[in-house]
Amino acid sequence: MAFRRTISQSELAERQSDADRERHATEYQPSRGGWFKAEPQPSQEQDRDSSGGRRWGRR
């Protein structure tokens, strides 16, 4: 019987590629009660209308 070496979470994170890290990204959302896939945040340019003012509401 062989003994297994435990691998720390930080060591696992180091071995993960940037693409995998992005694909599995989650964030805690207390209003929904848990960890959910991170939604891309709109850039400042997307938050403006054609006149340069801020938009109201979500797209």
PDB file of N, CA and C in Angstrom:
ATOM      1  N   MET A   1       0.839  -1.160   0.000  1.00  0.00           N
ATOM      2  CA  MET A   1       0.000   0.000   0.000  1.00  0.00           C
ATOM      3  C   MET A   1       0.897   1.241   0.000  1.00  0.00           C
ATOM      4  N   ALA A   2       0.561   2.199  -0.852  1.00  0.00           N
ATOM      5  CA  ALA A   2       1.350   3.423  -0.945  1.00  0.00           C
ATOM      6  C   ALA A   2       0.660   4.547  -0.186  1.00  0.00           C
ATOM      7  N   PHE A   3       1.468   5.400   0.400  1.00  0.00           N
ATOM      8  CA  PHE A   3       0.923   6.557   1.095  1.00  0.00           C
ATOM      9  C   PHE A   3       0.777   7.715   0.124  1.00  0.00           C
ATOM     10  N   ARG A   4      -0.295   8.426   0.245  1.00  0.00           N
ATOM     11  CA  ARG A   4      -0.509   9.592  -0.609  1.00  0.00           C
ATOM     12  C   ARG A   4      -0.044  10.837   0.112  1.00  0.00           C
ATOM     13  N   ARG A   5       0.584  11.717  -0.629  1.00  0.00           N
ATOM     14  CA  ARG A   5       1.006  13.000  -0.089  1.00  0.00           C
ATOM     15  C   ARG A   5      -0.128  13.989  -0.319  1.00  0.00           C
ATOM     16  N   THR A   6      -0.497  14.724   0.706  1.00  0.00           N
ATOM     17  CA  THR A   6      -1.545  15.724   0.527  1.00  0.00           C
ATOM     18  C   THR A   6      -0.969  16.927  -0.206  1.00  0.00           C
ATOM     19  N   ILE A   7      -1.779  17.503  -1.072  1.00  0.00           N
ATOM     20  CA  ILE A   7      -1.369  18.658  -1.862  1.00  0.00           C
ATOM     21  C   ILE A   7      -2.176  19.850  -1.376  1.00  0.00           C
ATOM     22  N   SER A   8      -1.494  20.923  -1.022  1.00  0.00           N
ATOM     23  CA  SER A   8      -2.186  22.104  -0.514  1.00  0.00           C
ATOM     24  C   SER A   8      -2.940  22.813  -1.642  1.00  0.00           C
ATOM     25  N   GLN A   9      -3.951  23.580  -1.271  1.00  0.00           N
ATOM     26  CA  GLN A   9      -4.730  24.324  -2.254  1.00  0.00           C
ATOM     27  C   GLN A   9      -3.868  25.341  -3.001  1.00  0.00           C
ATOM     28  N   SER A  10      -2.916  25.945  -2.297  1.00  0.00           N
ATOM     29  CA  SER A  10      -2.057  26.936  -2.955  1.00  0.00           C
ATOM     30  C   SER A  10      -1.167  26.278  -4.011  1.00  0.00           C
ATOM     31  N   GLU A  11      -0.708  25.053  -3.734  1.00  0.00           N
ATOM     32  CA  GLU A  11       0.107  24.333  -4.713  1.00  0.00           C
ATOM     33  C   GLU A  11      -0.724  23.956  -5.934  1.00  0.00           C
ATOM     34  N   LEU A  12      -1.961  23.567  -5.718  1.00  0.00           N
ATOM     35  CA  LEU A  12      -2.844  23.256  -6.846  1.00  0.00           C
ATOM     36  C   LEU A  12      -3.097  24.506  -7.694  1.00  0.00           C
ATOM     37  N   ALA A  13      -3.297  25.642  -7.031  1.00  0.00           N
ATOM     38  CA  ALA A  13      -3.550  26.895  -7.749  1.00  0.00           C
ATOM     39  C   ALA A  13      -2.342  27.301  -8.585  1.00  0.00           C
ATOM     40  N   GLU A  14      -1.128  27.056  -8.073  1.00  0.00           N
ATOM     41  CA  GLU A  14       0.089  27.407  -8.820  1.00  0.00           C
ATOM     42  C   GLU A  14       0.194  26.618 -10.118  1.00  0.00           C
ATOM     43  N   ARG A  15      -0.240  25.375 -10.090  1.00  0.00           N
ATOM     44  CA  ARG A  15      -0.125  24.503 -11.267  1.00  0.00           C
ATOM     45  C   ARG A  15      -1.197  24.771 -12.314  1.00  0.00           C
ATOM     46  N   GLN A  16      -2.231  25.513 -11.947  1.00  0.00           N
ATOM     47  CA  GLN A  16      -3.336  25.767 -12.860  1.00  0.00           C
ATOM     48  C   GLN A  16      -2.946  26.836 -13.878  1.00  0.00           C
ATOM     49  N   SER A  17      -3.310  26.614 -15.143  1.00  0.00           N
ATOM     50  CA  SER A  17      -2.994  27.600 -16.175  1.00  0.00           C
ATOM     51  C   SER A  17      -3.941  28.796 -16.056  1.00  0.00           C
ATOM     52  N   ASP A  18      -3.581  29.907 -16.689  1.00  0.00           N
ATOM     53  CA  ASP A  18      -4.413  31.111 -16.638  1.00  0.00           C
ATOM     54  C   ASP A  18      -5.781  30.862 -17.266  1.00  0.00           C
ATOM     55  N   ALA A  19      -5.818  30.081 -18.348  1.00  0.00           N
ATOM     56  CA  ALA A  19      -7.093  29.772 -19.007  1.00  0.00           C
ATOM     57  C   ALA A  19      -8.001  28.971 -18.081  1.00  0.00           C
ATOM     58  N   ASP A  20      -7.439  27.992 -17.373  1.00  0.00           N
ATOM     59  CA  ASP A  20      -8.234  27.207 -16.431  1.00  0.00           C
ATOM     60  C   ASP A  20      -8.707  28.057 -15.265  1.00  0.00           C
ATOM     61  N   ARG A  21      -7.845  28.928 -14.795  1.00  0.00           N
ATOM     62  CA  ARG A  21      -8.201  29.802 -13.676  1.00  0.00           C
ATOM     63  C   ARG A  21      -9.370  30.704 -14.064  1.00  0.00           C
ATOM     64  N   GLU A  22      -9.340  31.230 -15.276  1.00  0.00           N
ATOM     65  CA  GLU A  22     -10.415  32.092 -15.765  1.00  0.00           C
ATOM     66  C   GLU A  22     -11.714  31.301 -15.955  1.00  0.00           C
ATOM     67  N   ARG A  23     -11.602  30.096 -16.468  1.00  0.00           N
ATOM     68  CA  ARG A  23     -12.779  29.271 -16.750  1.00  0.00           C
ATOM     69  C   ARG A  23     -13.499  28.848 -15.475  1.00  0.00           C
ATOM     70  N   HIS A  24     -12.771  28.647 -14.390  1.00  0.00           N
ATOM     71  CA  HIS A  24     -13.359  28.157 -13.148  1.00  0.00           C
ATOM     72  C   HIS A  24     -13.541  29.246 -12.098  1.00  0.00           C
ATOM     73  N   ALA A  25     -13.448  30.505 -12.492  1.00  0.00           N
ATOM     74  CA  ALA A  25     -13.548  31.604 -11.538  1.00  0.00           C
ATOM     75  C   ALA A  25     -14.955  31.673 -10.943  1.00  0.00           C
ATOM     76  N   THR A  26     -15.011  31.844  -9.629  1.00  0.00           N
ATOM     77  CA  THR A  26     -16.287  32.014  -8.938  1.00  0.00           C
ATOM     78  C   THR A  26     -16.165  33.181  -7.976  1.00  0.00           C
ATOM     79  N   GLU A  27     -17.293  33.721  -7.590  1.00  0.00           N
ATOM     80  CA  GLU A  27     -17.307  34.792  -6.603  1.00  0.00           C
ATOM     81  C   GLU A  27     -18.487  34.552  -5.668  1.00  0.00           C
ATOM     82  N   TYR A  28     -18.330  34.989  -4.425  1.00  0.00           N
ATOM     83  CA  TYR A  28     -19.384  34.805  -3.440  1.00  0.00           C
ATOM     84  C   TYR A  28     -20.433  35.884  -3.603  1.00  0.00           C
ATOM     85  N   GLN A  29     -21.683  35.473  -3.723  1.00  0.00           N
ATOM     86  CA  GLN A  29     -22.784  36.410  -3.870  1.00  0.00           C
ATOM     87  C   GLN A  29     -23.764  36.172  -2.718  1.00  0.00           C
ATOM     88  N   PRO A  30     -23.675  36.989  -1.665  1.00  0.00           N
ATOM     89  CA  PRO A  30     -24.518  36.760  -0.498  1.00  0.00           C
ATOM     90  C   PRO A  30     -26.015  36.869  -0.801  1.00  0.00           C
ATOM     91  N   SER A  31     -26.394  37.687  -1.775  1.00  0.00           N
ATOM     92  CA  SER A  31     -27.811  37.834  -2.097  1.00  0.00           C
ATOM     93  C   SER A  31     -28.384  36.539  -2.679  1.00  0.00           C
ATOM     94  N   ARG A  32     -27.536  35.740  -3.324  1.00  0.00           N
ATOM     95  CA  ARG A  32     -27.968  34.467  -3.882  1.00  0.00           C
ATOM     96  C   ARG A  32     -27.627  33.298  -2.969  1.00  0.00           C
ATOM     97  N   GLY A  33     -26.812  33.551  -1.936  1.00  0.00           N
ATOM     98  CA  GLY A  33     -26.532  32.531  -0.940  1.00  0.00           C
ATOM     99  C   GLY A  33     -25.471  31.528  -1.323  1.00  0.00           C
ATOM    100  N   GLY A  34     -24.395  31.943  -1.995  1.00  0.00           N
ATOM    101  CA  GLY A  34     -23.335  30.992  -2.285  1.00  0.00           C
ATOM    102  C   GLY A  34     -22.339  31.481  -3.310  1.00  0.00           C
ATOM    103  N   TRP A  35     -21.539  30.534  -3.801  1.00  0.00           N
ATOM    104  CA  TRP A  35     -20.499  30.818  -4.791  1.00  0.00           C
ATOM    105  C   TRP A  35     -21.056  30.536  -6.172  1.00  0.00           C
ATOM    106  N   PHE A  36     -20.938  31.506  -7.072  1.00  0.00           N
ATOM    107  CA  PHE A  36     -21.445  31.362  -8.427  1.00  0.00           C
ATOM    108  C   PHE A  36     -20.392  31.837  -9.423  1.00  0.00           C
ATOM    109  N   LYS A  37     -20.546  31.415 -10.660  1.00  0.00           N
ATOM    110  CA  LYS A  37     -19.601  31.778 -11.713  1.00  0.00           C
ATOM    111  C   LYS A  37     -19.533  33.297 -11.838  1.00  0.00           C
ATOM    112  N   ALA A  38     -18.326  33.803 -11.912  1.00  0.00           N
ATOM    113  CA  ALA A  38     -18.120  35.251 -11.997  1.00  0.00           C
ATOM    114  C   ALA A  38     -18.622  35.765 -13.338  1.00  0.00           C
ATOM    115  N   GLU A  39     -19.434  36.816 -13.299  1.00  0.00           N
ATOM    116  CA  GLU A  39     -19.922  37.430 -14.524  1.00  0.00           C
ATOM    117  C   GLU A  39     -18.957  38.532 -14.938  1.00  0.00           C
ATOM    118  N   PRO A  40     -18.685  38.659 -16.225  1.00  0.00           N
ATOM    119  CA  PRO A  40     -17.769  39.724 -16.650  1.00  0.00           C
ATOM    120  C   PRO A  40     -18.351  41.092 -16.325  1.00  0.00           C
ATOM    121  N   GLN A  41     -17.508  41.951 -15.774  1.00  0.00           N
ATOM    122  CA  GLN A  41     -17.933  43.297 -15.404  1.00  0.00           C
ATOM    123  C   GLN A  41     -17.875  44.199 -16.633  1.00  0.00           C
ATOM    124  N   PRO A  42     -18.867  45.071 -16.814  1.00  0.00           N
ATOM    125  CA  PRO A  42     -18.828  45.974 -17.966  1.00  0.00           C
ATOM    126  C   PRO A  42     -17.712  47.001 -17.802  1.00  0.00           C
ATOM    127  N   SER A  43     -17.102  47.359 -18.913  1.00  0.00           N
ATOM    128  CA  SER A  43     -16.048  48.370 -18.849  1.00  0.00           C
ATOM    129  C   SER A  43     -16.692  49.747 -18.723  1.00  0.00           C
ATOM    130  N   GLN A  44     -15.898  50.746 -18.422  1.00  0.00           N
ATOM    131  CA  GLN A  44     -16.413  52.101 -18.286  1.00  0.00           C
ATOM    132  C   GLN A  44     -16.995  52.612 -19.602  1.00  0.00           C
ATOM    133  N   GLU A  45     -16.434  52.185 -20.717  1.00  0.00           N
ATOM    134  CA  GLU A  45     -16.925  52.636 -22.025  1.00  0.00           C
ATOM    135  C   GLU A  45     -18.303  52.073 -22.320  1.00  0.00           C
ATOM    136  N   GLN A  46     -18.609  50.869 -21.864  1.00  0.00           N
ATOM    137  CA  GLN A  46     -19.915  50.264 -22.120  1.00  0.00           C
ATOM    138  C   GLN A  46     -20.997  50.902 -21.262  1.00  0.00           C
ATOM    139  N   ASP A  47     -20.615  51.608 -20.222  1.00  0.00           N
ATOM    140  CA  ASP A  47     -21.567  52.177 -19.281  1.00  0.00           C
ATOM    141  C   ASP A  47     -21.996  53.593 -19.677  1.00  0.00           C
ATOM    142  N   ARG A  48     -21.626  54.042 -20.842  1.00  0.00           N
ATOM    143  CA  ARG A  48     -21.941  55.405 -21.285  1.00  0.00           C
ATOM    144  C   ARG A  48     -22.806  55.353 -22.543  1.00  0.00           C
ATOM    145  N   ASP A  49     -23.656  56.345 -22.707  1.00  0.00           N
ATOM    146  CA  ASP A  49     -24.420  56.426 -23.945  1.00  0.00           C
ATOM    147  C   ASP A  49     -23.642  57.259 -24.968  1.00  0.00           C
ATOM    148  N   SER A  50     -24.232  57.516 -26.129  1.00  0.00           N
ATOM    149  CA  SER A  50     -23.515  58.200 -27.204  1.00  0.00           C
ATOM    150  C   SER A  50     -23.160  59.643 -26.851  1.00  0.00           C
ATOM    151  N   SER A  51     -23.903  60.274 -25.941  1.00  0.00           N
ATOM    152  CA  SER A  51     -23.598  61.652 -25.578  1.00  0.00           C
ATOM    153  C   SER A  51     -22.547  61.752 -24.472  1.00  0.00           C
ATOM    154  N   GLY A  52     -22.121  60.619 -23.921  1.00  0.00           N
ATOM    155  CA  GLY A  52     -21.111  60.628 -22.876  1.00  0.00           C
ATOM    156  C   GLY A  52     -21.687  60.534 -21.486  1.00  0.00           C
ATOM    157  N   GLY A  53     -23.015  60.590 -21.363  1.00  0.00           N
ATOM    158  CA  GLY A  53     -23.651  60.482 -20.042  1.00  0.00           C
ATOM    159  C   GLY A  53     -23.781  59.027 -19.621  1.00  0.00           C
ATOM    160  N   ARG A  54     -24.042  58.831 -18.343  1.00  0.00           N
ATOM    161  CA  ARG A  54     -24.201  57.460 -17.839  1.00  0.00           C
ATOM    162  C   ARG A  54     -25.566  56.904 -18.227  1.00  0.00           C
ATOM    163  N   ARG A  55     -25.613  55.619 -18.481  1.00  0.00           N
ATOM    164  CA  ARG A  55     -26.864  54.938 -18.789  1.00  0.00           C
ATOM    165  C   ARG A  55     -27.554  54.514 -17.497  1.00  0.00           C
ATOM    166  N   TRP A  56     -28.846  54.337 -17.586  1.00  0.00           N
ATOM    167  CA  TRP A  56     -29.601  53.826 -16.459  1.00  0.00           C
ATOM    168  C   TRP A  56     -30.066  52.408 -16.782  1.00  0.00           C
ATOM    169  N   GLY A  57     -30.046  51.551 -15.771  1.00  0.00           N
ATOM    170  CA  GLY A  57     -30.521  50.181 -15.952  1.00  0.00           C
ATOM    171  C   GLY A  57     -29.451  49.256 -16.464  1.00  0.00           C
ATOM    172  N   ARG A  58     -29.817  47.999 -16.542  1.00  0.00           N
ATOM    173  CA  ARG A  58     -28.894  46.971 -17.031  1.00  0.00           C
ATOM    174  C   ARG A  58     -29.228  46.612 -18.455  1.00  0.00           C
ATOM    175  N   ARG A  59     -28.257  46.101 -19.154  1.00  0.00           N
ATOM    176  CA  ARG A  59     -28.516  45.642 -20.521  1.00  0.00           C
ATOM    177  C   ARG A  59     -29.026  44.231 -20.512  1.00  0.00           C
TER     178      ARG A  59
END
